[in-house]
Amino acid sequence: MPVGALNSKQQKILRDLFEDPIRANIDWSDVESLLKTLGKVTEGSGSRVRTFVNGKVATFHRPHPEKETDKGTVKSVRRFLREVGVER
């Protein structure tokens, strides 16, 4: 899916994910919504979430009890997005 097909909120989340310095206060629900728009998201065991985009798969952990991502998760999501050809 071309980045231009994202709605304005998803485009903002994408910009936030690629912002430097890395942010640690991005709501996971917003990240998951972006990933669902770009591909497919399925539930794994526990807090795992599997994401399928452009034939590639990545597994992330939902943050808990917090609702925001940490810097490590943002780096992982950013790396995955670059691998599948999505950048801001």
N, C-alpha and C. Protein backbone atom coordinates (compact mmCIF):
# COMPACT_ATOMS: atom_id res chain seq x y z
N MET A 1 0.85 -1.18 0.00
CA MET A 1 0.00 0.00 0.00
C MET A 1 0.89 1.24 0.00
N PRO A 2 0.64 2.17 -0.90
CA PRO A 2 1.42 3.39 -0.91
C PRO A 2 1.14 4.23 0.33
N VAL A 3 2.17 4.91 0.81
CA VAL A 3 2.04 5.72 2.02
C VAL A 3 0.97 6.80 1.83
N GLY A 4 0.80 7.30 0.61
CA GLY A 4 -0.20 8.32 0.34
C GLY A 4 -1.62 7.84 0.60
N ALA A 5 -1.84 6.51 0.66
CA ALA A 5 -3.17 5.96 0.89
C ALA A 5 -3.53 5.95 2.38
N LEU A 6 -2.60 6.32 3.24
CA LEU A 6 -2.88 6.37 4.67
C LEU A 6 -3.67 7.62 5.00
N ASN A 7 -4.52 7.53 6.03
CA ASN A 7 -5.24 8.73 6.45
C ASN A 7 -4.28 9.65 7.20
N SER A 8 -4.70 10.85 7.51
CA SER A 8 -3.81 11.84 8.10
C SER A 8 -3.26 11.40 9.46
N LYS A 9 -4.07 10.73 10.27
CA LYS A 9 -3.60 10.27 11.57
C LYS A 9 -2.51 9.20 11.39
N GLN A 10 -2.72 8.28 10.45
CA GLN A 10 -1.73 7.23 10.19
C GLN A 10 -0.45 7.82 9.62
N GLN A 11 -0.56 8.84 8.79
CA GLN A 11 0.63 9.50 8.27
C GLN A 11 1.41 10.17 9.41
N LYS A 12 0.69 10.74 10.39
CA LYS A 12 1.35 11.35 11.55
C LYS A 12 2.06 10.28 12.38
N ILE A 13 1.42 9.13 12.58
CA ILE A 13 2.05 8.04 13.34
C ILE A 13 3.31 7.57 12.62
N LEU A 14 3.25 7.46 11.30
CA LEU A 14 4.42 7.06 10.52
C LEU A 14 5.55 8.07 10.70
N ARG A 15 5.22 9.36 10.66
CA ARG A 15 6.25 10.40 10.89
C ARG A 15 6.81 10.27 12.30
N ASP A 16 5.94 10.03 13.28
CA ASP A 16 6.39 9.87 14.67
C ASP A 16 7.34 8.69 14.82
N LEU A 17 7.05 7.59 14.14
CA LEU A 17 7.89 6.40 14.23
C LEU A 17 9.30 6.65 13.68
N PHE A 18 9.42 7.52 12.68
CA PHE A 18 10.71 7.78 12.07
C PHE A 18 11.38 9.05 12.60
N GLU A 19 10.79 9.67 13.60
CA GLU A 19 11.34 10.89 14.17
C GLU A 19 12.62 10.60 14.95
N ASP A 20 13.57 11.52 14.86
CA ASP A 20 14.80 11.43 15.66
C ASP A 20 14.86 12.64 16.56
N PRO A 21 15.21 12.48 17.82
CA PRO A 21 15.51 11.23 18.50
C PRO A 21 14.26 10.34 18.60
N ILE A 22 14.50 9.06 18.80
CA ILE A 22 13.41 8.09 18.86
C ILE A 22 12.47 8.42 20.00
N ARG A 23 11.18 8.41 19.70
CA ARG A 23 10.16 8.70 20.71
C ARG A 23 9.76 7.43 21.43
N ALA A 24 9.36 7.60 22.68
CA ALA A 24 8.92 6.44 23.47
C ALA A 24 7.50 6.62 23.97
N ASN A 25 6.77 7.55 23.40
CA ASN A 25 5.42 7.83 23.90
C ASN A 25 4.35 7.70 22.82
N ILE A 26 4.57 6.82 21.86
CA ILE A 26 3.59 6.60 20.80
C ILE A 26 2.63 5.51 21.27
N ASP A 27 1.33 5.78 21.21
CA ASP A 27 0.34 4.79 21.64
C ASP A 27 0.43 3.55 20.75
N TRP A 28 0.52 2.39 21.39
CA TRP A 28 0.59 1.14 20.64
C TRP A 28 -0.63 0.95 19.77
N SER A 29 -1.80 1.35 20.24
CA SER A 29 -3.02 1.16 19.43
C SER A 29 -2.92 1.91 18.10
N ASP A 30 -2.25 3.05 18.09
CA ASP A 30 -2.05 3.79 16.85
C ASP A 30 -1.09 3.06 15.92
N VAL A 31 -0.02 2.50 16.50
CA VAL A 31 0.95 1.73 15.70
C VAL A 31 0.26 0.50 15.10
N GLU A 32 -0.53 -0.18 15.92
CA GLU A 32 -1.23 -1.38 15.44
C GLU A 32 -2.22 -1.03 14.34
N SER A 33 -2.90 0.09 14.46
CA SER A 33 -3.83 0.54 13.42
C SER A 33 -3.09 0.79 12.11
N LEU A 34 -1.92 1.40 12.19
CA LEU A 34 -1.10 1.64 11.00
C LEU A 34 -0.69 0.31 10.37
N LEU A 35 -0.24 -0.63 11.19
CA LEU A 35 0.18 -1.93 10.67
C LEU A 35 -0.98 -2.68 10.02
N LYS A 36 -2.17 -2.57 10.60
CA LYS A 36 -3.36 -3.23 10.02
C LYS A 36 -3.70 -2.63 8.66
N THR A 37 -3.49 -1.34 8.51
CA THR A 37 -3.78 -0.69 7.23
C THR A 37 -2.77 -1.12 6.17
N LEU A 38 -1.52 -1.31 6.59
CA LEU A 38 -0.46 -1.68 5.64
C LEU A 38 -0.50 -3.16 5.27
N GLY A 39 -1.04 -4.00 6.14
CA GLY A 39 -1.05 -5.44 5.88
C GLY A 39 -2.05 -6.15 6.76
N LYS A 40 -1.58 -7.20 7.42
CA LYS A 40 -2.45 -8.01 8.26
C LYS A 40 -1.80 -8.17 9.63
N VAL A 41 -2.61 -8.14 10.66
CA VAL A 41 -2.13 -8.32 12.03
C VAL A 41 -2.93 -9.45 12.66
N THR A 42 -2.22 -10.41 13.25
CA THR A 42 -2.90 -11.51 13.94
C THR A 42 -2.38 -11.61 15.37
N GLU A 43 -3.20 -12.22 16.21
CA GLU A 43 -2.84 -12.41 17.61
C GLU A 43 -1.91 -13.59 17.76
N GLY A 44 -0.88 -13.41 18.56
CA GLY A 44 -0.01 -14.51 18.92
C GLY A 44 -0.31 -14.90 20.36
N SER A 45 0.57 -15.68 20.97
CA SER A 45 0.34 -16.04 22.36
C SER A 45 0.78 -14.90 23.27
N GLY A 46 0.10 -14.79 24.39
CA GLY A 46 0.41 -13.72 25.33
C GLY A 46 0.16 -12.35 24.71
N SER A 47 1.15 -11.50 24.78
CA SER A 47 1.00 -10.15 24.25
C SER A 47 1.61 -10.01 22.85
N ARG A 48 1.90 -11.13 22.21
CA ARG A 48 2.52 -11.09 20.88
C ARG A 48 1.50 -10.73 19.80
N VAL A 49 2.00 -9.98 18.83
CA VAL A 49 1.20 -9.58 17.68
C VAL A 49 2.05 -9.86 16.45
N ARG A 50 1.53 -10.65 15.51
CA ARG A 50 2.24 -10.94 14.26
C ARG A 50 1.72 -10.01 13.17
N THR A 51 2.67 -9.45 12.45
CA THR A 51 2.34 -8.49 11.40
C THR A 51 2.87 -9.01 10.07
N PHE A 52 2.01 -8.99 9.06
CA PHE A 52 2.36 -9.43 7.71
C PHE A 52 2.20 -8.26 6.75
N VAL A 53 3.29 -7.83 6.14
CA VAL A 53 3.25 -6.74 5.17
C VAL A 53 4.17 -7.10 4.01
N ASN A 54 3.66 -7.01 2.80
CA ASN A 54 4.46 -7.25 1.58
C ASN A 54 5.24 -8.57 1.64
N GLY A 55 4.60 -9.61 2.14
CA GLY A 55 5.23 -10.92 2.17
C GLY A 55 6.23 -11.14 3.30
N LYS A 56 6.39 -10.17 4.17
CA LYS A 56 7.31 -10.31 5.30
C LYS A 56 6.52 -10.33 6.59
N VAL A 57 7.09 -10.96 7.60
CA VAL A 57 6.41 -11.09 8.88
C VAL A 57 7.31 -10.58 10.00
N ALA A 58 6.69 -9.96 10.98
CA ALA A 58 7.41 -9.53 12.19
C ALA A 58 6.50 -9.77 13.38
N THR A 59 7.10 -10.06 14.51
CA THR A 59 6.35 -10.25 15.74
C THR A 59 6.75 -9.17 16.73
N PHE A 60 5.76 -8.52 17.28
CA PHE A 60 5.97 -7.47 18.27
C PHE A 60 5.21 -7.84 19.54
N HIS A 61 5.59 -7.22 20.64
CA HIS A 61 4.90 -7.42 21.91
C HIS A 61 4.13 -6.15 22.25
N ARG A 62 2.85 -6.33 22.55
CA ARG A 62 2.08 -5.18 23.02
C ARG A 62 2.62 -4.75 24.38
N PRO A 63 2.77 -3.44 24.56
CA PRO A 63 3.25 -2.98 25.86
C PRO A 63 2.16 -3.18 26.91
N HIS A 64 2.57 -3.53 28.10
CA HIS A 64 1.63 -3.64 29.21
C HIS A 64 2.39 -3.49 30.50
N PRO A 65 1.90 -2.89 31.51
CA PRO A 65 0.55 -2.32 31.60
C PRO A 65 0.42 -0.97 30.90
N GLU A 66 1.52 -0.40 30.44
CA GLU A 66 1.45 0.89 29.76
C GLU A 66 0.78 0.73 28.40
N LYS A 67 0.34 1.84 27.84
CA LYS A 67 -0.26 1.79 26.51
C LYS A 67 0.68 2.36 25.45
N GLU A 68 1.80 2.97 25.88
CA GLU A 68 2.74 3.56 24.94
C GLU A 68 3.89 2.60 24.65
N THR A 69 4.46 2.75 23.47
CA THR A 69 5.61 1.95 23.07
C THR A 69 6.86 2.45 23.78
N ASP A 70 7.86 1.58 23.87
CA ASP A 70 9.16 2.02 24.35
C ASP A 70 10.07 2.21 23.14
N LYS A 71 11.25 2.76 23.38
CA LYS A 71 12.16 3.07 22.27
C LYS A 71 12.59 1.82 21.50
N GLY A 72 12.76 0.72 22.19
CA GLY A 72 13.16 -0.52 21.52
C GLY A 72 12.10 -1.00 20.55
N THR A 73 10.84 -0.90 20.94
CA THR A 73 9.75 -1.30 20.05
C THR A 73 9.67 -0.37 18.85
N VAL A 74 9.84 0.92 19.09
CA VAL A 74 9.80 1.87 17.99
C VAL A 74 10.92 1.55 16.99
N LYS A 75 12.12 1.22 17.48
CA LYS A 75 13.22 0.86 16.59
C LYS A 75 12.89 -0.39 15.79
N SER A 76 12.27 -1.38 16.43
CA SER A 76 11.91 -2.62 15.74
C SER A 76 10.85 -2.38 14.67
N VAL A 77 9.84 -1.59 15.00
CA VAL A 77 8.78 -1.29 14.03
C VAL A 77 9.38 -0.51 12.87
N ARG A 78 10.23 0.45 13.18
CA ARG A 78 10.88 1.26 12.14
C ARG A 78 11.70 0.37 11.20
N ARG A 79 12.47 -0.56 11.75
CA ARG A 79 13.28 -1.48 10.95
C ARG A 79 12.39 -2.33 10.04
N PHE A 80 11.29 -2.86 10.61
CA PHE A 80 10.37 -3.68 9.83
C PHE A 80 9.75 -2.87 8.68
N LEU A 81 9.33 -1.67 8.97
CA LEU A 81 8.72 -0.83 7.94
C LEU A 81 9.71 -0.56 6.80
N ARG A 82 10.97 -0.31 7.16
CA ARG A 82 11.97 -0.09 6.11
C ARG A 82 12.15 -1.36 5.28
N GLU A 83 12.17 -2.53 5.93
CA GLU A 83 12.34 -3.80 5.21
C GLU A 83 11.23 -4.03 4.19
N VAL A 84 10.02 -3.57 4.51
CA VAL A 84 8.89 -3.80 3.60
C VAL A 84 8.68 -2.62 2.64
N GLY A 85 9.59 -1.64 2.70
CA GLY A 85 9.54 -0.54 1.76
C GLY A 85 8.67 0.63 2.15
N VAL A 86 8.38 0.75 3.45
CA VAL A 86 7.55 1.87 3.92
C VAL A 86 8.43 2.81 4.75
N GLU A 87 8.49 4.04 4.31
CA GLU A 87 9.19 5.09 5.07
C GLU A 87 8.34 6.34 5.01
N ARG A 88 8.67 7.27 5.85
CA ARG A 88 7.84 8.48 5.89
C ARG A 88 7.93 9.31 4.66
